[in-house]
Structures are given as C-alpha cells and as structure tokens.
Amino acid sequence: MAEHYNRAAERGVPSLVWRAGQQRRLEMIRQAAGERMHGSILVDGCGLGTYLERLAEGAEIAAGLDIEFERVREAHENGLAVVCGAGEHLPFVSERFDLVLSHEVLEHVADDRQSMAEMLRVLKPGGRLALFVPNRGYPFETHGIYWRGKYHFGNIPLVNYLPRRWRDRLAPHVRLYTRRNLKRLLAELPAQVIVQTTIFGGYDNIIGRFPRLGRLLRGTLQALERTPLRALGLSHFWVIEKTAN
C-alpha cells in the first residue's frame, strides 16, 4: 500500500472516469488546436488514454506515451497506440505532430526543461502544445505531502504559500509553477505563447456528494477566471505554438 501511494505521489494518478471537469478541459484543448485536431496528435504522459481516446476521433494519427508500463499495456488493450517512454527522450522524429497535449504531467518528470524542449522538437512549425500544470497560487497542495518520512494523501492547505525551500521539503515529489517559471522553461526555445491563463477545477467529487453546494462552488470559482482572482486557480493553461527555427 505504501508503495502504491509513493508511486501515485511521484507520477500522478491517471483519470479513471470522464466527468464535467475533463470535458471542459477537452473543449479548451479542441479550441486551442483548431484544424490541428484533424492532423497528427501526441498525448505526452497519457496515463490510461482517457484524453487520447477522445482526441483520436477525427485525427489522422493519434499516439500516446507514458512512463508506466502497466498503464501502457492497459491502453493497448483498449485499442490505443501508446508507447512506453520518458518525456525527456520522446521516441519520435522531429516535426512529426500538429498537436501535443501535456496534461498535468510536466510537474512529475525528472527534467521539465528537457521535456519542454522535446515536446517542441516533435511539433511541426505552426503546431501547438496544450499545456496544463499546477499553479503555485492555488491555496491547496493537491498532491499531498511528506511529513516525517511518511506520505499524507489529500488536499493540504497553504503549503504552496510557504517559502520555496520549505514547500519543496514537504512536497519534493511534485513541482508547481508560476508564470515566471513557465516563461523560463520556454526561454530560447522556438515558441510563442498564444494563450496564457489560469483555471479552476471541475470539483466533480464535491458535486457528487453535495450537488447544490458543489455546483455553486464550481460556478463561483470558474466565474473568477474572468477576474484577477484567477491567479488563485488550480492550473495554468497555456497554448504554445512552435515557431520556425
């Protein structure tokens, strides 16, 4: 059990069900992609392939990559084209894809700068990367923390507001990002930012338990995305277009 939690902490937990929160993000990806949805698509860190399955509809080619062999095998059994590998060394030729999706994955990789460079390498000029990563401004650390050598699962309040060195001692298994952090990752890479925003979650678990309260919470928080308080959002959503080298 401890090994299961440690692996989940270090590499995240793939989506097992499809709900309103995932559907909303899918529509954001589709809007960002435009006509690229009909071209070649890569989901980098695809988990069990929940996003890959839907992005494959209408695509010329849709492939996924994940570092966990068990996830890759299960995705294969569901008929998806997935390979096992690491984001720092994508096993694809340069300028292969029209669209790359990285959904809450970059924070888990060993080298996020190298992974960003690899995603841009495999994009065609004019291709786009749809990127979701956790926001440091969110009031809860959603990946849990380590305390006295033991992992504690759950949404831990205010950890992300601690000085970086203290926060990283509590959550060494996962990064979180500011806008400045993301800009540094893109420095000197052939990229321009098309969309740069912060979004709140779908809160489907809360809605499942407390429907009225959950829907009120979701509506209120998502309305804040149109205000400066979006800085407190759960995730950054950036759309990055590859420029000519």
C-alpha atoms as a PDB file:
ATOM      1  CA  MET A   1       0.000   0.000   0.000  1.00  0.00           C
ATOM      2  CA  ALA A   2       2.825   2.411   0.878  1.00  0.00           C
ATOM      3  CA  GLU A   3       4.495   1.683  -2.481  1.00  0.00           C
ATOM      4  CA  HIS A   4       1.200   2.414  -4.259  1.00  0.00           C
ATOM      5  CA  TYR A   5       0.868   5.817  -2.582  1.00  0.00           C
ATOM      6  CA  ASN A   6       4.502   6.705  -3.227  1.00  0.00           C
ATOM      7  CA  ARG A   7       4.144   5.892  -6.927  1.00  0.00           C
ATOM      8  CA  ALA A   8       0.918   7.884  -7.143  1.00  0.00           C
ATOM      9  CA  ALA A   9       2.622  10.816  -5.427  1.00  0.00           C
ATOM     10  CA  GLU A  10       5.639  10.777  -7.732  1.00  0.00           C
ATOM     11  CA  ARG A  11       3.898  10.154 -11.065  1.00  0.00           C
ATOM     12  CA  GLY A  12       0.300  11.203 -10.529  1.00  0.00           C
ATOM     13  CA  VAL A  13      -2.923   9.271 -10.867  1.00  0.00           C
ATOM     14  CA  PRO A  14      -4.450   8.922 -14.358  1.00  0.00           C
ATOM     15  CA  SER A  15      -8.073   9.824 -14.950  1.00  0.00           C
ATOM     16  CA  LEU A  16     -10.267   6.763 -14.417  1.00  0.00           C
ATOM     17  CA  VAL A  17     -13.651   8.333 -15.166  1.00  0.00           C
ATOM     18  CA  TRP A  18     -14.855  11.023 -17.554  1.00  0.00           C
ATOM     19  CA  ARG A  19     -16.804  13.851 -15.971  1.00  0.00           C
ATOM     20  CA  ALA A  20     -17.619  17.516 -16.466  1.00  0.00           C
ATOM     21  CA  GLY A  21     -14.172  18.710 -15.425  1.00  0.00           C
ATOM     22  CA  GLN A  22     -12.427  16.593 -18.048  1.00  0.00           C
ATOM     23  CA  GLN A  23     -14.985  17.507 -20.696  1.00  0.00           C
ATOM     24  CA  ARG A  24     -14.424  21.198 -20.066  1.00  0.00           C
ATOM     25  CA  ARG A  25     -10.687  20.795 -20.494  1.00  0.00           C
ATOM     26  CA  LEU A  26     -11.178  18.775 -23.646  1.00  0.00           C
ATOM     27  CA  GLU A  27     -13.192  21.624 -25.177  1.00  0.00           C
ATOM     28  CA  MET A  28     -10.372  24.037 -24.268  1.00  0.00           C
ATOM     29  CA  ILE A  29      -7.872  21.745 -25.992  1.00  0.00           C
ATOM     30  CA  ARG A  30     -10.055  21.482 -29.095  1.00  0.00           C
ATOM     31  CA  GLN A  31     -10.462  25.237 -29.297  1.00  0.00           C
ATOM     32  CA  ALA A  32      -6.718  25.733 -28.919  1.00  0.00           C
ATOM     33  CA  ALA A  33      -5.949  23.140 -31.575  1.00  0.00           C
ATOM     34  CA  GLY A  34      -8.385  24.303 -34.247  1.00  0.00           C
ATOM     35  CA  GLU A  35      -7.777  22.472 -37.536  1.00  0.00           C
ATOM     36  CA  ARG A  36      -4.820  20.659 -35.969  1.00  0.00           C
ATOM     37  CA  MET A  37      -7.382  18.307 -34.403  1.00  0.00           C
ATOM     38  CA  HIS A  38      -7.553  16.583 -37.809  1.00  0.00           C
ATOM     39  CA  GLY A  39      -3.797  16.126 -38.079  1.00  0.00           C
ATOM     40  CA  SER A  40      -1.271  14.157 -36.033  1.00  0.00           C
ATOM     41  CA  ILE A  41      -1.637  14.282 -32.236  1.00  0.00           C
ATOM     42  CA  LEU A  42       0.588  13.198 -29.352  1.00  0.00           C
ATOM     43  CA  VAL A  43      -0.515  12.944 -25.725  1.00  0.00           C
ATOM     44  CA  ASP A  44       2.681  13.074 -23.681  1.00  0.00           C
ATOM     45  CA  GLY A  45       2.010  11.340 -20.366  1.00  0.00           C
ATOM     46  CA  CYS A  46      -1.266   9.822 -21.497  1.00  0.00           C
ATOM     47  CA  GLY A  47      -1.954   7.572 -18.498  1.00  0.00           C
ATOM     48  CA  LEU A  48      -4.685   5.119 -19.452  1.00  0.00           C
ATOM     49  CA  GLY A  49      -5.543   7.173 -22.530  1.00  0.00           C
ATOM     50  CA  THR A  50      -8.739   8.943 -21.494  1.00  0.00           C
ATOM     51  CA  TYR A  51      -7.842  12.153 -23.361  1.00  0.00           C
ATOM     52  CA  LEU A  52      -6.078  10.268 -26.146  1.00  0.00           C
ATOM     53  CA  GLU A  53      -9.188   8.243 -26.924  1.00  0.00           C
ATOM     54  CA  ARG A  54     -11.260  11.371 -27.457  1.00  0.00           C
ATOM     55  CA  LEU A  55      -8.588  13.336 -29.309  1.00  0.00           C
ATOM     56  CA  ALA A  56      -8.144  10.398 -31.687  1.00  0.00           C
ATOM     57  CA  GLU A  57     -11.646  10.924 -33.048  1.00  0.00           C
ATOM     58  CA  GLY A  58     -11.174  12.595 -36.403  1.00  0.00           C
ATOM     59  CA  ALA A  59      -7.376  12.741 -36.139  1.00  0.00           C
ATOM     60  CA  GLU A  60      -5.125  11.449 -38.920  1.00  0.00           C
ATOM     61  CA  ILE A  61      -2.826   9.862 -36.328  1.00  0.00           C
ATOM     62  CA  ALA A  62      -3.082   9.874 -32.531  1.00  0.00           C
ATOM     63  CA  ALA A  63      -0.374   8.429 -30.299  1.00  0.00           C
ATOM     64  CA  GLY A  64       0.347   8.442 -26.606  1.00  0.00           C
ATOM     65  CA  LEU A  65       3.372   7.994 -24.366  1.00  0.00           C
ATOM     66  CA  ASP A  66       3.570   7.077 -20.707  1.00  0.00           C
ATOM     67  CA  ILE A  67       6.399   6.060 -18.411  1.00  0.00           C
ATOM     68  CA  GLU A  68       4.355   3.435 -16.536  1.00  0.00           C
ATOM     69  CA  PHE A  69       4.367   0.106 -18.405  1.00  0.00           C
ATOM     70  CA  GLU A  70       1.180  -1.111 -16.700  1.00  0.00           C
ATOM     71  CA  ARG A  71      -0.711   1.922 -17.978  1.00  0.00           C
ATOM     72  CA  VAL A  72       0.683   1.479 -21.476  1.00  0.00           C
ATOM     73  CA  ARG A  73      -0.372  -2.178 -21.519  1.00  0.00           C
ATOM     74  CA  GLU A  74      -3.908  -1.325 -20.409  1.00  0.00           C
ATOM     75  CA  ALA A  75      -4.181   1.425 -23.035  1.00  0.00           C
ATOM     76  CA  HIS A  76      -3.021  -1.076 -25.678  1.00  0.00           C
ATOM     77  CA  GLU A  77      -5.707  -3.498 -24.559  1.00  0.00           C
ATOM     78  CA  ASN A  78      -8.233  -0.718 -25.186  1.00  0.00           C
ATOM     79  CA  GLY A  79      -7.005  -0.325 -28.747  1.00  0.00           C
ATOM     80  CA  LEU A  80      -4.907   2.822 -28.335  1.00  0.00           C
ATOM     81  CA  ALA A  81      -1.497   3.478 -29.906  1.00  0.00           C
ATOM     82  CA  VAL A  82       0.712   4.071 -26.866  1.00  0.00           C
ATOM     83  CA  VAL A  83       4.428   3.576 -26.272  1.00  0.00           C
ATOM     84  CA  CYS A  84       6.343   3.349 -23.019  1.00  0.00           C
ATOM     85  CA  GLY A  85       8.970   6.030 -22.567  1.00  0.00           C
ATOM     86  CA  ALA A  86      10.084   9.176 -20.786  1.00  0.00           C
ATOM     87  CA  GLY A  87       9.174  12.713 -21.739  1.00  0.00           C
ATOM     88  CA  GLU A  88      12.824  13.771 -21.695  1.00  0.00           C
ATOM     89  CA  HIS A  89      13.553  11.467 -24.660  1.00  0.00           C
ATOM     90  CA  LEU A  90      10.495  11.232 -26.892  1.00  0.00           C
ATOM     91  CA  PRO A  91      10.875   8.310 -29.347  1.00  0.00           C
ATOM     92  CA  PHE A  92       9.571  10.275 -32.324  1.00  0.00           C
ATOM     93  CA  VAL A  93      11.227  12.091 -35.204  1.00  0.00           C
ATOM     94  CA  SER A  94      11.387  15.859 -35.163  1.00  0.00           C
ATOM     95  CA  GLU A  95       8.480  17.903 -36.560  1.00  0.00           C
ATOM     96  CA  ARG A  96       6.098  14.925 -36.538  1.00  0.00           C
ATOM     97  CA  PHE A  97       2.979  16.261 -34.757  1.00  0.00           C
ATOM     98  CA  ASP A  98       0.468  19.049 -35.272  1.00  0.00           C
ATOM     99  CA  LEU A  99      -0.693  18.979 -31.646  1.00  0.00           C
ATOM    100  CA  VAL A 100       0.891  17.841 -28.388  1.00  0.00           C
ATOM    101  CA  LEU A 101      -1.056  17.615 -25.143  1.00  0.00           C
ATOM    102  CA  SER A 102       0.720  17.625 -21.777  1.00  0.00           C
ATOM    103  CA  HIS A 103      -1.971  17.374 -19.112  1.00  0.00           C
ATOM    104  CA  GLU A 104      -0.735  17.734 -15.527  1.00  0.00           C
ATOM    105  CA  VAL A 105       2.430  15.790 -16.366  1.00  0.00           C
ATOM    106  CA  LEU A 106       5.344  18.236 -16.538  1.00  0.00           C
ATOM    107  CA  GLU A 107       5.404  18.630 -12.757  1.00  0.00           C
ATOM    108  CA  HIS A 108       6.263  14.933 -12.356  1.00  0.00           C
ATOM    109  CA  VAL A 109       9.126  14.488 -14.828  1.00  0.00           C
ATOM    110  CA  ALA A 110      12.778  14.342 -13.832  1.00  0.00           C
ATOM    111  CA  ASP A 111      13.800  17.283 -16.070  1.00  0.00           C
ATOM    112  CA  ASP A 112      10.994  19.658 -17.027  1.00  0.00           C
ATOM    113  CA  ARG A 113      13.221  21.873 -19.196  1.00  0.00           C
ATOM    114  CA  GLN A 114      14.332  18.900 -21.295  1.00  0.00           C
ATOM    115  CA  SER A 115      10.763  17.621 -21.521  1.00  0.00           C
ATOM    116  CA  MET A 116       9.546  21.001 -22.748  1.00  0.00           C
ATOM    117  CA  ALA A 117      12.294  21.088 -25.364  1.00  0.00           C
ATOM    118  CA  GLU A 118      11.361  17.586 -26.530  1.00  0.00           C
ATOM    119  CA  MET A 119       7.689  18.449 -26.954  1.00  0.00           C
ATOM    120  CA  LEU A 120       8.626  21.426 -29.095  1.00  0.00           C
ATOM    121  CA  ARG A 121      11.111  19.337 -31.058  1.00  0.00           C
ATOM    122  CA  VAL A 122       8.452  16.863 -32.201  1.00  0.00           C
ATOM    123  CA  LEU A 123       5.993  19.621 -33.132  1.00  0.00           C
ATOM    124  CA  LYS A 124       5.806  20.885 -36.679  1.00  0.00           C
ATOM    125  CA  PRO A 125       6.385  24.635 -37.156  1.00  0.00           C
ATOM    126  CA  GLY A 126       2.971  26.132 -36.515  1.00  0.00           C
ATOM    127  CA  GLY A 127       1.994  23.135 -34.383  1.00  0.00           C
ATOM    128  CA  ARG A 128       0.721  23.735 -30.885  1.00  0.00           C
ATOM    129  CA  LEU A 129       1.326  22.438 -27.390  1.00  0.00           C
ATOM    130  CA  ALA A 130      -1.641  22.464 -24.993  1.00  0.00           C
ATOM    131  CA  LEU A 131      -0.145  22.541 -21.513  1.00  0.00           C
ATOM    132  CA  PHE A 132      -1.771  22.138 -18.102  1.00  0.00           C
ATOM    133  CA  VAL A 133       0.416  22.381 -14.972  1.00  0.00           C
ATOM    134  CA  PRO A 134      -0.345  23.123 -11.305  1.00  0.00           C
ATOM    135  CA  ASN A 135      -0.401  26.743 -10.191  1.00  0.00           C
ATOM    136  CA  ARG A 136       1.582  27.835  -7.154  1.00  0.00           C
ATOM    137  CA  GLY A 137      -1.112  30.383  -6.331  1.00  0.00           C
ATOM    138  CA  TYR A 138      -3.708  27.688  -5.582  1.00  0.00           C
ATOM    139  CA  PRO A 139      -4.418  27.560  -1.830  1.00  0.00           C
ATOM    140  CA  PHE A 140      -4.130  23.746  -1.611  1.00  0.00           C
ATOM    141  CA  GLU A 141      -1.376  21.291  -2.462  1.00  0.00           C
ATOM    142  CA  THR A 142      -3.425  18.660  -4.283  1.00  0.00           C
ATOM    143  CA  HIS A 143      -0.653  16.046  -4.460  1.00  0.00           C
ATOM    144  CA  GLY A 144      -0.335  15.511  -0.717  1.00  0.00           C
ATOM    145  CA  ILE A 145       2.842  15.956   1.322  1.00  0.00           C
ATOM    146  CA  TYR A 146       5.563  14.019   3.070  1.00  0.00           C
ATOM    147  CA  TRP A 147       5.777  14.590   6.825  1.00  0.00           C
ATOM    148  CA  ARG A 148       8.424  12.865   8.920  1.00  0.00           C
ATOM    149  CA  GLY A 149       9.148  10.463   6.116  1.00  0.00           C
ATOM    150  CA  LYS A 150       5.545   9.389   5.604  1.00  0.00           C
ATOM    151  CA  TYR A 151       3.299  10.347   2.692  1.00  0.00           C
ATOM    152  CA  HIS A 152      -0.032  12.014   3.552  1.00  0.00           C
ATOM    153  CA  PHE A 153      -2.599  11.933   0.745  1.00  0.00           C
ATOM    154  CA  GLY A 154      -5.097  14.752   0.193  1.00  0.00           C
ATOM    155  CA  ASN A 155      -5.516  18.477  -0.397  1.00  0.00           C
ATOM    156  CA  ILE A 156      -3.223  20.177   2.094  1.00  0.00           C
ATOM    157  CA  PRO A 157      -3.981  23.888   2.692  1.00  0.00           C
ATOM    158  CA  LEU A 158      -1.466  26.726   2.404  1.00  0.00           C
ATOM    159  CA  VAL A 159       1.591  24.546   1.697  1.00  0.00           C
ATOM    160  CA  ASN A 160       2.108  26.280  -1.645  1.00  0.00           C
ATOM    161  CA  TYR A 161       2.409  29.653   0.064  1.00  0.00           C
ATOM    162  CA  LEU A 162       5.436  28.647   2.114  1.00  0.00           C
ATOM    163  CA  PRO A 163       8.913  29.738   1.009  1.00  0.00           C
ATOM    164  CA  ARG A 164      10.001  27.525  -1.858  1.00  0.00           C
ATOM    165  CA  ARG A 165      12.654  25.605   0.095  1.00  0.00           C
ATOM    166  CA  TRP A 166      10.134  24.725   2.846  1.00  0.00           C
ATOM    167  CA  ARG A 167       7.379  23.836   0.414  1.00  0.00           C
ATOM    168  CA  ASP A 168       9.730  21.594  -1.575  1.00  0.00           C
ATOM    169  CA  ARG A 169      10.742  19.719   1.576  1.00  0.00           C
ATOM    170  CA  LEU A 170       7.082  18.895   2.206  1.00  0.00           C
ATOM    171  CA  ALA A 171       6.302  18.109  -1.439  1.00  0.00           C
ATOM    172  CA  PRO A 172       9.582  17.014  -3.051  1.00  0.00           C
ATOM    173  CA  HIS A 173       7.694  14.654  -5.374  1.00  0.00           C
ATOM    174  CA  VAL A 174       5.980  17.300  -7.472  1.00  0.00           C
ATOM    175  CA  ARG A 175       6.687  20.768  -8.875  1.00  0.00           C
ATOM    176  CA  LEU A 176       4.337  23.683  -9.132  1.00  0.00           C
ATOM    177  CA  TYR A 177       4.664  26.731 -11.333  1.00  0.00           C
ATOM    178  CA  THR A 178       4.326  30.465 -11.518  1.00  0.00           C
ATOM    179  CA  ARG A 179       4.030  32.290 -14.821  1.00  0.00           C
ATOM    180  CA  ARG A 180       7.676  33.282 -14.435  1.00  0.00           C
ATOM    181  CA  ASN A 181       8.699  29.632 -14.026  1.00  0.00           C
ATOM    182  CA  LEU A 182       6.947  28.695 -17.269  1.00  0.00           C
ATOM    183  CA  LYS A 183       8.488  31.586 -19.172  1.00  0.00           C
ATOM    184  CA  ARG A 184      11.920  30.440 -18.026  1.00  0.00           C
ATOM    185  CA  LEU A 185      11.224  26.938 -19.356  1.00  0.00           C
ATOM    186  CA  LEU A 186      10.462  28.431 -22.763  1.00  0.00           C
ATOM    187  CA  ALA A 187      13.470  30.745 -22.856  1.00  0.00           C
ATOM    188  CA  GLU A 188      15.499  30.302 -26.057  1.00  0.00           C
ATOM    189  CA  LEU A 189      13.109  27.645 -27.381  1.00  0.00           C
ATOM    190  CA  PRO A 190      11.296  28.143 -30.727  1.00  0.00           C
ATOM    191  CA  ALA A 191       7.949  29.031 -29.193  1.00  0.00           C
ATOM    192  CA  GLN A 192       5.389  31.776 -28.819  1.00  0.00           C
ATOM    193  CA  VAL A 193       2.612  31.781 -26.230  1.00  0.00           C
ATOM    194  CA  ILE A 194      -0.859  32.019 -27.787  1.00  0.00           C
ATOM    195  CA  VAL A 195      -2.982  31.546 -24.638  1.00  0.00           C
ATOM    196  CA  GLN A 196      -1.840  32.182 -21.081  1.00  0.00           C
ATOM    197  CA  THR A 197      -4.402  31.809 -18.330  1.00  0.00           C
ATOM    198  CA  THR A 198      -5.252  30.063 -15.064  1.00  0.00           C
ATOM    199  CA  ILE A 199      -8.325  27.924 -14.450  1.00  0.00           C
ATOM    200  CA  PHE A 200     -10.172  26.412 -11.505  1.00  0.00           C
ATOM    201  CA  GLY A 201     -11.166  22.760 -11.306  1.00  0.00           C
ATOM    202  CA  GLY A 202     -14.397  20.950 -12.053  1.00  0.00           C
ATOM    203  CA  TYR A 203     -14.973  19.871  -8.422  1.00  0.00           C
ATOM    204  CA  ASP A 204     -16.876  16.819  -9.602  1.00  0.00           C
ATOM    205  CA  ASN A 205     -16.145  14.881  -6.398  1.00  0.00           C
ATOM    206  CA  ILE A 206     -17.783  17.593  -4.303  1.00  0.00           C
ATOM    207  CA  ILE A 207     -20.744  17.771  -6.677  1.00  0.00           C
ATOM    208  CA  GLY A 208     -21.140  14.017  -6.396  1.00  0.00           C
ATOM    209  CA  ARG A 209     -21.508  14.259  -2.628  1.00  0.00           C
ATOM    210  CA  PHE A 210     -23.182  17.658  -2.269  1.00  0.00           C
ATOM    211  CA  PRO A 211     -24.763  18.533  -5.644  1.00  0.00           C
ATOM    212  CA  ARG A 212     -26.148  22.002  -4.892  1.00  0.00           C
ATOM    213  CA  LEU A 213     -23.170  23.193  -2.879  1.00  0.00           C
ATOM    214  CA  GLY A 214     -20.729  21.719  -5.375  1.00  0.00           C
ATOM    215  CA  ARG A 215     -22.360  23.356  -8.383  1.00  0.00           C
ATOM    216  CA  LEU A 216     -22.443  26.691  -6.574  1.00  0.00           C
ATOM    217  CA  LEU A 217     -18.760  26.348  -5.730  1.00  0.00           C
ATOM    218  CA  ARG A 218     -17.833  25.403  -9.281  1.00  0.00           C
ATOM    219  CA  GLY A 219     -19.858  28.207 -10.834  1.00  0.00           C
ATOM    220  CA  THR A 220     -18.456  30.802  -8.449  1.00  0.00           C
ATOM    221  CA  LEU A 221     -14.832  29.776  -8.859  1.00  0.00           C
ATOM    222  CA  GLN A 222     -14.993  29.421 -12.622  1.00  0.00           C
ATOM    223  CA  ALA A 223     -16.552  32.880 -12.812  1.00  0.00           C
ATOM    224  CA  LEU A 224     -13.412  34.169 -11.070  1.00  0.00           C
ATOM    225  CA  GLU A 225     -11.405  33.112 -14.109  1.00  0.00           C
ATOM    226  CA  ARG A 226     -12.624  36.324 -15.732  1.00  0.00           C
ATOM    227  CA  THR A 227     -11.162  38.412 -12.912  1.00  0.00           C
ATOM    228  CA  PRO A 228      -7.679  38.997 -11.458  1.00  0.00           C
ATOM    229  CA  LEU A 229      -8.559  36.348  -8.843  1.00  0.00           C
ATOM    230  CA  ARG A 230      -7.858  33.721 -11.493  1.00  0.00           C
ATOM    231  CA  ALA A 231      -4.329  33.940 -10.063  1.00  0.00           C
ATOM    232  CA  LEU A 232      -5.650  31.596  -7.336  1.00  0.00           C
ATOM    233  CA  GLY A 233      -6.708  28.982  -9.900  1.00  0.00           C
ATOM    234  CA  LEU A 234      -5.887  25.309  -9.760  1.00  0.00           C
ATOM    235  CA  SER A 235      -3.905  25.024 -13.010  1.00  0.00           C
ATOM    236  CA  HIS A 236      -2.119  27.074 -15.605  1.00  0.00           C
ATOM    237  CA  PHE A 237      -3.429  26.524 -19.118  1.00  0.00           C
ATOM    238  CA  TRP A 238      -1.016  27.657 -21.809  1.00  0.00           C
ATOM    239  CA  VAL A 239      -1.200  27.180 -25.562  1.00  0.00           C
ATOM    240  CA  ILE A 240       2.268  27.373 -27.091  1.00  0.00           C
ATOM    241  CA  GLU A 241       2.903  27.482 -30.828  1.00  0.00           C
ATOM    242  CA  LYS A 242       6.158  26.339 -32.342  1.00  0.00           C
ATOM    243  CA  THR A 243       7.889  28.979 -34.432  1.00  0.00           C
ATOM    244  CA  ALA A 244      10.286  28.398 -37.306  1.00  0.00           C
ATOM    245  CA  ASN A 245      13.792  27.515 -36.141  1.00  0.00           C
END
